Structures are given as structure tokens and as C-alpha cells.
Amino acid sequence: MGRRTRFLIIDDHPLFSQGLASLIANVAGWEVVGEAVCIADALTLLESHPVDVALVDISLREENGLDLVRTIKSMYPTVLSLIISMYDETIYASASLKAGARGYVMKQEATSSLIDAIRQILDGKVYLSPDMQQRLLSSMVAGEAEMTIDPVKLLSVRELEVLRLIGSGYGVSEIGSALNLSVKTINVYRDNIRHKLSIADAASLRRFAIKWTKSRET
């Protein structure tokens, strides 16, 4: 009997984490050796438990899961990281691969897609949805340059979500309701975005956000 494949789940949503653990446990030869809700807990578990695959959510409370992926790649190069997130892959998939992840799966995808993604990265491949693979190939063929300002590289997960909602036409109060945050907090995020992207005012930020959001839809 061969050695079992060991998984670490890093997700701050208990119900999803428990469901994922049950899914893994039902596959012959796979086992979950730990679950974490933040980067510090994940690193503590990695120090004490041999792990083959880390299943990482991007949004970990106020932390960015991509920071954990970078750390895993640096400190535990044999551990394979797979991003499993509710966030749109057209925004985050490329950044996830650059951070060191071996694939990206949206939480809305079917269970079979997740199992397939895990099997692919265990086979040494990279997993992206067929649609995302086509997008990246089309971009390469067309020789498209990256945006002069790449928000993914500059903004936190929450700031990027606020930018996306601004670009989709939402007002500050609507964004606050969507993210369950106060208007004051959304204004702080909006100001942070403007400073990081060197954008002068709210109107210019809205124009930038609309243009950026549309570029991700094509």
C-alpha cells in the first residue's frame, strides 16, 4: 500500500472547510492532516506536519492567501499549493500562478472539477478552467501587454474587490452592503486604492475602475 497524500486546508469559512475535508477523506489514499484559518496557523501546522498539498483560500480574514502561497513556495518547495476561492479567476488566476500556486479553482465549480484539479497538480501539471486556459492562450497569441498599472500587484484582496465593485457601477453604500462593511470603511479602502494607484480623485478612480473591469470581461 503506497503512502497517503496529505492535505492541509487553509480557509476561514468553517462550513466550506469541513465540506472540503470530507471530500478529501472520501478519496482513497488521501487524508487531511490539518485545517487552518490564517497564515500563522498554517505555518505552524506546516512545521509540525508533513504535507503534500495546501488548499488555500485567497481571502483569509484580513490576510491575503497569496502571501501564504509565496511563503510555502519559498520555505516548503515540495508542497503543492492549489487556490480554491470564491473570487473571479479572470482577476486572480494569473496572479496566483505567479505567486507559486499550481492551479486555481473557483468554489462554485463542481466537486468533480476540484478532484480533477488536485489530480492534475499531483501529476505535475497546472490546473485552470478550460475558459481561463483559453483566455491566457489568446492573450499570448495576441501578444497583449499587461496593463501599465496592475492592481493585482498593488492592492489587497479587499481593495481589489472594492475596485471591482466600483467598476461595476456600485456606489459606496451599495459596496458597503455587499461586503457587510460600513460606508466609512469603504471610503478608507477607496482612498487607499487612489493612493496606491496614484489616482487624483474619486471621479478618476471610477473611470479607471470601469475601464479595468471591462478589460477583465473581454
C-alpha atoms as a PDB file:
ATOM      1  CA  MET A   1       0.000   0.000   0.000  1.00  0.00           C
ATOM      2  CA  GLY A   2       1.508   3.345  -1.060  1.00  0.00           C
ATOM      3  CA  ARG A   3       1.982   6.400   1.113  1.00  0.00           C
ATOM      4  CA  ARG A   4      -1.123   8.517   1.583  1.00  0.00           C
ATOM      5  CA  THR A   5      -1.299  12.014   0.060  1.00  0.00           C
ATOM      6  CA  ARG A   6      -1.508  14.556   2.878  1.00  0.00           C
ATOM      7  CA  PHE A   7      -3.523  17.768   2.638  1.00  0.00           C
ATOM      8  CA  LEU A   8      -3.604  20.999   4.619  1.00  0.00           C
ATOM      9  CA  ILE A   9      -6.745  23.164   4.263  1.00  0.00           C
ATOM     10  CA  ILE A  10      -6.410  26.915   4.836  1.00  0.00           C
ATOM     11  CA  ASP A  11      -9.829  28.590   4.775  1.00  0.00           C
ATOM     12  CA  ASP A  12     -11.620  30.851   7.261  1.00  0.00           C
ATOM     13  CA  HIS A  13     -15.116  29.590   6.377  1.00  0.00           C
ATOM     14  CA  PRO A  14     -15.745  26.600   8.725  1.00  0.00           C
ATOM     15  CA  LEU A  15     -18.591  25.036   6.749  1.00  0.00           C
ATOM     16  CA  PHE A  16     -16.648  25.088   3.488  1.00  0.00           C
ATOM     17  CA  SER A  17     -13.503  23.813   5.208  1.00  0.00           C
ATOM     18  CA  GLN A  18     -15.405  20.923   6.801  1.00  0.00           C
ATOM     19  CA  GLY A  19     -17.035  20.025   3.496  1.00  0.00           C
ATOM     20  CA  LEU A  20     -13.692  20.080   1.743  1.00  0.00           C
ATOM     21  CA  ALA A  21     -12.144  17.884   4.432  1.00  0.00           C
ATOM     22  CA  SER A  22     -14.959  15.339   3.998  1.00  0.00           C
ATOM     23  CA  LEU A  23     -14.474  15.367   0.241  1.00  0.00           C
ATOM     24  CA  ILE A  24     -10.746  14.699   0.590  1.00  0.00           C
ATOM     25  CA  ALA A  25     -11.305  11.932   3.152  1.00  0.00           C
ATOM     26  CA  ASN A  26     -13.609  10.093   0.754  1.00  0.00           C
ATOM     27  CA  VAL A  27     -10.879   9.669  -1.856  1.00  0.00           C
ATOM     28  CA  ALA A  28      -8.758   6.547  -1.407  1.00  0.00           C
ATOM     29  CA  GLY A  29      -5.196   7.371  -0.426  1.00  0.00           C
ATOM     30  CA  TRP A  30      -5.917  10.988   0.549  1.00  0.00           C
ATOM     31  CA  GLU A  31      -6.079  12.430   4.065  1.00  0.00           C
ATOM     32  CA  VAL A  32      -6.360  15.857   5.692  1.00  0.00           C
ATOM     33  CA  VAL A  33      -3.662  16.354   8.334  1.00  0.00           C
ATOM     34  CA  GLY A  34      -4.712  19.841   9.419  1.00  0.00           C
ATOM     35  CA  GLU A  35      -7.001  22.824   8.962  1.00  0.00           C
ATOM     36  CA  ALA A  36      -6.086  26.494   9.492  1.00  0.00           C
ATOM     37  CA  VAL A  37      -7.949  29.800   9.297  1.00  0.00           C
ATOM     38  CA  CYS A  38      -4.973  32.165   8.992  1.00  0.00           C
ATOM     39  CA  ILE A  39      -1.389  32.309   7.762  1.00  0.00           C
ATOM     40  CA  ALA A  40       0.207  31.927  11.208  1.00  0.00           C
ATOM     41  CA  ASP A  41      -1.794  28.787  11.997  1.00  0.00           C
ATOM     42  CA  ALA A  42      -0.975  27.338   8.570  1.00  0.00           C
ATOM     43  CA  LEU A  43       2.763  27.864   9.030  1.00  0.00           C
ATOM     44  CA  THR A  44       2.630  26.290  12.490  1.00  0.00           C
ATOM     45  CA  LEU A  45       0.957  23.199  11.040  1.00  0.00           C
ATOM     46  CA  LEU A  46       3.431  23.038   8.162  1.00  0.00           C
ATOM     47  CA  GLU A  47       6.284  22.980  10.674  1.00  0.00           C
ATOM     48  CA  SER A  48       4.845  20.008  12.552  1.00  0.00           C
ATOM     49  CA  HIS A  49       3.033  18.006   9.846  1.00  0.00           C
ATOM     50  CA  PRO A  50       4.405  16.606   6.579  1.00  0.00           C
ATOM     51  CA  VAL A  51       2.133  17.981   3.843  1.00  0.00           C
ATOM     52  CA  ASP A  52       1.912  17.269   0.115  1.00  0.00           C
ATOM     53  CA  VAL A  53      -0.845  19.692  -0.924  1.00  0.00           C
ATOM     54  CA  ALA A  54      -2.006  23.004   0.560  1.00  0.00           C
ATOM     55  CA  LEU A  55      -5.536  24.047  -0.394  1.00  0.00           C
ATOM     56  CA  VAL A  56      -5.598  27.816   0.109  1.00  0.00           C
ATOM     57  CA  ASP A  57      -8.358  30.425   0.022  1.00  0.00           C
ATOM     58  CA  ILE A  58      -7.306  33.900  -1.149  1.00  0.00           C
ATOM     59  CA  SER A  59      -9.270  35.798   1.493  1.00  0.00           C
ATOM     60  CA  LEU A  60      -8.176  34.781   4.992  1.00  0.00           C
ATOM     61  CA  ARG A  61      -9.846  37.246   7.330  1.00  0.00           C
ATOM     62  CA  GLU A  62      -7.770  40.401   6.723  1.00  0.00           C
ATOM     63  CA  GLU A  63      -4.885  38.448   5.162  1.00  0.00           C
ATOM     64  CA  ASN A  64      -4.064  37.567   1.572  1.00  0.00           C
ATOM     65  CA  GLY A  65      -3.744  33.861   0.835  1.00  0.00           C
ATOM     66  CA  LEU A  66      -1.306  34.619  -1.974  1.00  0.00           C
ATOM     67  CA  ASP A  67       1.194  35.764   0.659  1.00  0.00           C
ATOM     68  CA  LEU A  68       0.937  32.296   2.202  1.00  0.00           C
ATOM     69  CA  VAL A  69       1.437  30.671  -1.203  1.00  0.00           C
ATOM     70  CA  ARG A  70       4.639  32.681  -1.701  1.00  0.00           C
ATOM     71  CA  THR A  71       5.893  31.627   1.722  1.00  0.00           C
ATOM     72  CA  ILE A  72       5.093  27.973   1.080  1.00  0.00           C
ATOM     73  CA  LYS A  73       6.943  28.094  -2.241  1.00  0.00           C
ATOM     74  CA  SER A  74       9.979  29.578  -0.505  1.00  0.00           C
ATOM     75  CA  MET A  75      10.038  27.511   2.703  1.00  0.00           C
ATOM     76  CA  TYR A  76       8.388  24.268   1.576  1.00  0.00           C
ATOM     77  CA  PRO A  77       9.145  23.909  -2.156  1.00  0.00           C
ATOM     78  CA  THR A  78       7.865  20.317  -2.312  1.00  0.00           C
ATOM     79  CA  VAL A  79       4.381  21.342  -1.128  1.00  0.00           C
ATOM     80  CA  LEU A  80       1.920  21.951  -3.962  1.00  0.00           C
ATOM     81  CA  SER A  81      -0.464  24.885  -3.470  1.00  0.00           C
ATOM     82  CA  LEU A  82      -3.913  24.995  -5.049  1.00  0.00           C
ATOM     83  CA  ILE A  83      -6.068  28.120  -4.730  1.00  0.00           C
ATOM     84  CA  ILE A  84      -9.757  27.461  -4.015  1.00  0.00           C
ATOM     85  CA  SER A  85     -11.613  30.757  -3.898  1.00  0.00           C
ATOM     86  CA  MET A  86     -14.938  32.486  -4.470  1.00  0.00           C
ATOM     87  CA  TYR A  87     -13.140  35.305  -6.307  1.00  0.00           C
ATOM     88  CA  ASP A  88     -13.289  35.552 -10.088  1.00  0.00           C
ATOM     89  CA  GLU A  89     -10.497  33.571 -11.702  1.00  0.00           C
ATOM     90  CA  THR A  90     -10.182  36.124 -14.518  1.00  0.00           C
ATOM     91  CA  ILE A  91      -8.854  38.541 -11.896  1.00  0.00           C
ATOM     92  CA  TYR A  92      -6.811  36.243  -9.664  1.00  0.00           C
ATOM     93  CA  ALA A  93      -5.714  33.142 -11.594  1.00  0.00           C
ATOM     94  CA  SER A  94      -2.677  34.702 -13.253  1.00  0.00           C
ATOM     95  CA  ALA A  95      -1.523  36.333 -10.003  1.00  0.00           C
ATOM     96  CA  SER A  96      -1.985  33.014  -8.178  1.00  0.00           C
ATOM     97  CA  LEU A  97       0.263  31.186 -10.629  1.00  0.00           C
ATOM     98  CA  LYS A  98       2.879  33.942 -10.354  1.00  0.00           C
ATOM     99  CA  ALA A  99       2.777  33.598  -6.565  1.00  0.00           C
ATOM    100  CA  GLY A 100       3.594  29.901  -6.885  1.00  0.00           C
ATOM    101  CA  ALA A 101       0.211  28.146  -6.920  1.00  0.00           C
ATOM    102  CA  ARG A 102      -0.152  25.153  -9.234  1.00  0.00           C
ATOM    103  CA  GLY A 103      -3.764  25.879 -10.043  1.00  0.00           C
ATOM    104  CA  TYR A 104      -6.917  27.883  -9.383  1.00  0.00           C
ATOM    105  CA  VAL A 105     -10.414  26.556  -8.710  1.00  0.00           C
ATOM    106  CA  MET A 106     -13.470  28.686  -8.000  1.00  0.00           C
ATOM    107  CA  LYS A 107     -15.617  27.481  -5.095  1.00  0.00           C
ATOM    108  CA  GLN A 108     -18.658  27.497  -7.353  1.00  0.00           C
ATOM    109  CA  GLU A 109     -17.194  24.753  -9.549  1.00  0.00           C
ATOM    110  CA  ALA A 110     -18.440  21.196  -9.288  1.00  0.00           C
ATOM    111  CA  THR A 111     -16.855  18.696  -6.928  1.00  0.00           C
ATOM    112  CA  SER A 112     -15.577  16.744  -9.923  1.00  0.00           C
ATOM    113  CA  SER A 113     -13.638  19.806 -11.119  1.00  0.00           C
ATOM    114  CA  LEU A 114     -11.930  20.137  -7.744  1.00  0.00           C
ATOM    115  CA  ILE A 115     -10.933  16.485  -7.664  1.00  0.00           C
ATOM    116  CA  ASP A 116      -9.670  16.766 -11.235  1.00  0.00           C
ATOM    117  CA  ALA A 117      -7.652  19.873 -10.325  1.00  0.00           C
ATOM    118  CA  ILE A 118      -5.993  18.093  -7.407  1.00  0.00           C
ATOM    119  CA  ARG A 119      -5.173  15.041  -9.512  1.00  0.00           C
ATOM    120  CA  GLN A 120      -3.659  17.246 -12.209  1.00  0.00           C
ATOM    121  CA  ILE A 121      -1.332  19.126  -9.879  1.00  0.00           C
ATOM    122  CA  LEU A 122      -0.302  15.828  -8.247  1.00  0.00           C
ATOM    123  CA  ASP A 123       0.630  14.659 -11.760  1.00  0.00           C
ATOM    124  CA  GLY A 124       2.902  17.685 -12.136  1.00  0.00           C
ATOM    125  CA  LYS A 125       0.505  19.726 -14.260  1.00  0.00           C
ATOM    126  CA  VAL A 126      -1.076  23.151 -13.795  1.00  0.00           C
ATOM    127  CA  TYR A 127      -4.856  23.407 -13.442  1.00  0.00           C
ATOM    128  CA  LEU A 128      -7.051  26.213 -14.745  1.00  0.00           C
ATOM    129  CA  SER A 129     -10.617  26.025 -16.019  1.00  0.00           C
ATOM    130  CA  PRO A 130     -10.930  25.489 -19.797  1.00  0.00           C
ATOM    131  CA  ASP A 131     -12.236  29.049 -20.181  1.00  0.00           C
ATOM    132  CA  MET A 132      -9.289  30.532 -18.286  1.00  0.00           C
ATOM    133  CA  GLN A 133      -6.811  28.443 -20.268  1.00  0.00           C
ATOM    134  CA  GLN A 134      -8.299  29.831 -23.490  1.00  0.00           C
ATOM    135  CA  ARG A 135      -8.093  33.385 -22.181  1.00  0.00           C
ATOM    136  CA  LEU A 136      -4.408  33.037 -21.358  1.00  0.00           C
ATOM    137  CA  LEU A 137      -3.598  31.370 -24.676  1.00  0.00           C
ATOM    138  CA  SER A 138      -5.476  34.052 -26.606  1.00  0.00           C
ATOM    139  CA  SER A 139      -3.611  36.732 -24.703  1.00  0.00           C
ATOM    140  CA  MET A 140      -0.254  35.121 -25.533  1.00  0.00           C
ATOM    141  CA  VAL A 141      -1.111  34.713 -29.209  1.00  0.00           C
ATOM    142  CA  ALA A 142      -2.277  38.313 -29.463  1.00  0.00           C
ATOM    143  CA  GLY A 143       0.883  39.486 -27.739  1.00  0.00           C
ATOM    144  CA  GLU A 144      -1.129  41.603 -25.325  1.00  0.00           C
ATOM    145  CA  ALA A 145       0.922  43.646 -22.915  1.00  0.00           C
ATOM    146  CA  GLU A 146      -0.005  43.814 -19.266  1.00  0.00           C
ATOM    147  CA  MET A 147      -1.694  46.936 -18.006  1.00  0.00           C
ATOM    148  CA  THR A 148       0.707  49.700 -17.093  1.00  0.00           C
ATOM    149  CA  ILE A 149      -0.778  49.591 -13.604  1.00  0.00           C
ATOM    150  CA  ASP A 150      -1.649  46.091 -12.470  1.00  0.00           C
ATOM    151  CA  PRO A 151      -3.985  46.389  -9.468  1.00  0.00           C
ATOM    152  CA  VAL A 152      -3.421  42.761  -8.521  1.00  0.00           C
ATOM    153  CA  LYS A 153       0.194  43.570  -7.696  1.00  0.00           C
ATOM    154  CA  LEU A 154      -0.614  46.693  -5.719  1.00  0.00           C
ATOM    155  CA  LEU A 155      -3.888  46.135  -3.909  1.00  0.00           C
ATOM    156  CA  SER A 156      -5.002  43.862  -1.104  1.00  0.00           C
ATOM    157  CA  VAL A 157      -7.755  41.318  -1.715  1.00  0.00           C
ATOM    158  CA  ARG A 158     -10.358  43.584  -0.120  1.00  0.00           C
ATOM    159  CA  GLU A 159      -9.149  46.677  -2.006  1.00  0.00           C
ATOM    160  CA  LEU A 160      -9.332  44.792  -5.269  1.00  0.00           C
ATOM    161  CA  GLU A 161     -12.888  43.704  -4.532  1.00  0.00           C
ATOM    162  CA  VAL A 162     -13.852  47.327  -3.813  1.00  0.00           C
ATOM    163  CA  LEU A 163     -12.228  48.384  -7.109  1.00  0.00           C
ATOM    164  CA  ARG A 164     -14.174  45.714  -8.991  1.00  0.00           C
ATOM    165  CA  LEU A 165     -17.463  46.832  -7.467  1.00  0.00           C
ATOM    166  CA  ILE A 166     -16.729  50.481  -8.266  1.00  0.00           C
ATOM    167  CA  GLY A 167     -16.048  49.444 -11.849  1.00  0.00           C
ATOM    168  CA  SER A 168     -19.331  47.545 -11.936  1.00  0.00           C
ATOM    169  CA  GLY A 169     -21.232  50.722 -11.121  1.00  0.00           C
ATOM    170  CA  TYR A 170     -21.840  50.313  -7.397  1.00  0.00           C
ATOM    171  CA  GLY A 171     -21.895  53.321  -5.073  1.00  0.00           C
ATOM    172  CA  VAL A 172     -20.158  53.473  -1.700  1.00  0.00           C
ATOM    173  CA  SER A 173     -23.244  52.495   0.323  1.00  0.00           C
ATOM    174  CA  GLU A 174     -24.028  49.628  -2.069  1.00  0.00           C
ATOM    175  CA  ILE A 175     -20.453  48.341  -1.797  1.00  0.00           C
ATOM    176  CA  GLY A 176     -20.706  48.521   1.979  1.00  0.00           C
ATOM    177  CA  SER A 177     -23.890  46.449   1.917  1.00  0.00           C
ATOM    178  CA  ALA A 178     -22.391  43.918  -0.490  1.00  0.00           C
ATOM    179  CA  LEU A 179     -19.285  43.427   1.647  1.00  0.00           C
ATOM    180  CA  ASN A 180     -21.022  43.866   5.012  1.00  0.00           C
ATOM    181  CA  LEU A 181     -18.798  46.847   5.855  1.00  0.00           C
ATOM    182  CA  SER A 182     -19.548  50.420   6.931  1.00  0.00           C
ATOM    183  CA  VAL A 183     -19.535  53.333   4.492  1.00  0.00           C
ATOM    184  CA  LYS A 184     -16.623  54.793   6.472  1.00  0.00           C
ATOM    185  CA  THR A 185     -14.584  51.625   5.959  1.00  0.00           C
ATOM    186  CA  ILE A 186     -15.349  51.566   2.223  1.00  0.00           C
ATOM    187  CA  ASN A 187     -14.197  55.185   1.957  1.00  0.00           C
ATOM    188  CA  VAL A 188     -10.922  54.218   3.654  1.00  0.00           C
ATOM    189  CA  TYR A 189     -10.427  51.397   1.147  1.00  0.00           C
ATOM    190  CA  ARG A 190     -11.278  53.741  -1.705  1.00  0.00           C
ATOM    191  CA  ASP A 191      -8.715  56.302  -0.506  1.00  0.00           C
ATOM    192  CA  ASN A 192      -6.085  53.567  -0.148  1.00  0.00           C
ATOM    193  CA  ILE A 193      -6.744  52.463  -3.718  1.00  0.00           C
ATOM    194  CA  ARG A 194      -6.375  56.015  -5.028  1.00  0.00           C
ATOM    195  CA  HIS A 195      -3.064  56.483  -3.215  1.00  0.00           C
ATOM    196  CA  LYS A 196      -1.639  53.141  -4.341  1.00  0.00           C
ATOM    197  CA  LEU A 197      -2.609  53.764  -7.968  1.00  0.00           C
ATOM    198  CA  SER A 198      -1.703  57.475  -7.889  1.00  0.00           C
ATOM    199  CA  ILE A 199      -5.224  58.496  -8.906  1.00  0.00           C
ATOM    200  CA  ALA A 200      -6.143  62.095  -8.074  1.00  0.00           C
ATOM    201  CA  ASP A 201      -9.833  61.960  -7.230  1.00  0.00           C
ATOM    202  CA  ALA A 202     -12.958  59.810  -6.938  1.00  0.00           C
ATOM    203  CA  ALA A 203     -14.154  60.560 -10.468  1.00  0.00           C
ATOM    204  CA  SER A 204     -10.831  59.499 -11.970  1.00  0.00           C
ATOM    205  CA  LEU A 205     -10.876  56.366  -9.818  1.00  0.00           C
ATOM    206  CA  ARG A 206     -14.334  55.462 -11.118  1.00  0.00           C
ATOM    207  CA  ARG A 207     -13.212  55.907 -14.752  1.00  0.00           C
ATOM    208  CA  PHE A 208     -10.140  53.758 -14.111  1.00  0.00           C
ATOM    209  CA  ALA A 209     -12.212  51.104 -12.325  1.00  0.00           C
ATOM    210  CA  ILE A 210     -14.752  50.906 -15.158  1.00  0.00           C
ATOM    211  CA  LYS A 211     -12.007  50.568 -17.768  1.00  0.00           C
ATOM    212  CA  TRP A 212     -10.161  47.947 -15.748  1.00  0.00           C
ATOM    213  CA  THR A 213     -13.303  45.924 -15.018  1.00  0.00           C
ATOM    214  CA  LYS A 214     -14.297  45.910 -18.695  1.00  0.00           C
ATOM    215  CA  SER A 215     -10.790  44.794 -19.703  1.00  0.00           C
ATOM    216  CA  ARG A 216     -11.232  41.731 -17.492  1.00  0.00           C
ATOM    217  CA  GLU A 217     -14.542  40.834 -19.151  1.00  0.00           C
ATOM    218  CA  THR A 218     -13.211  40.700 -22.704  1.00  0.00           C
END
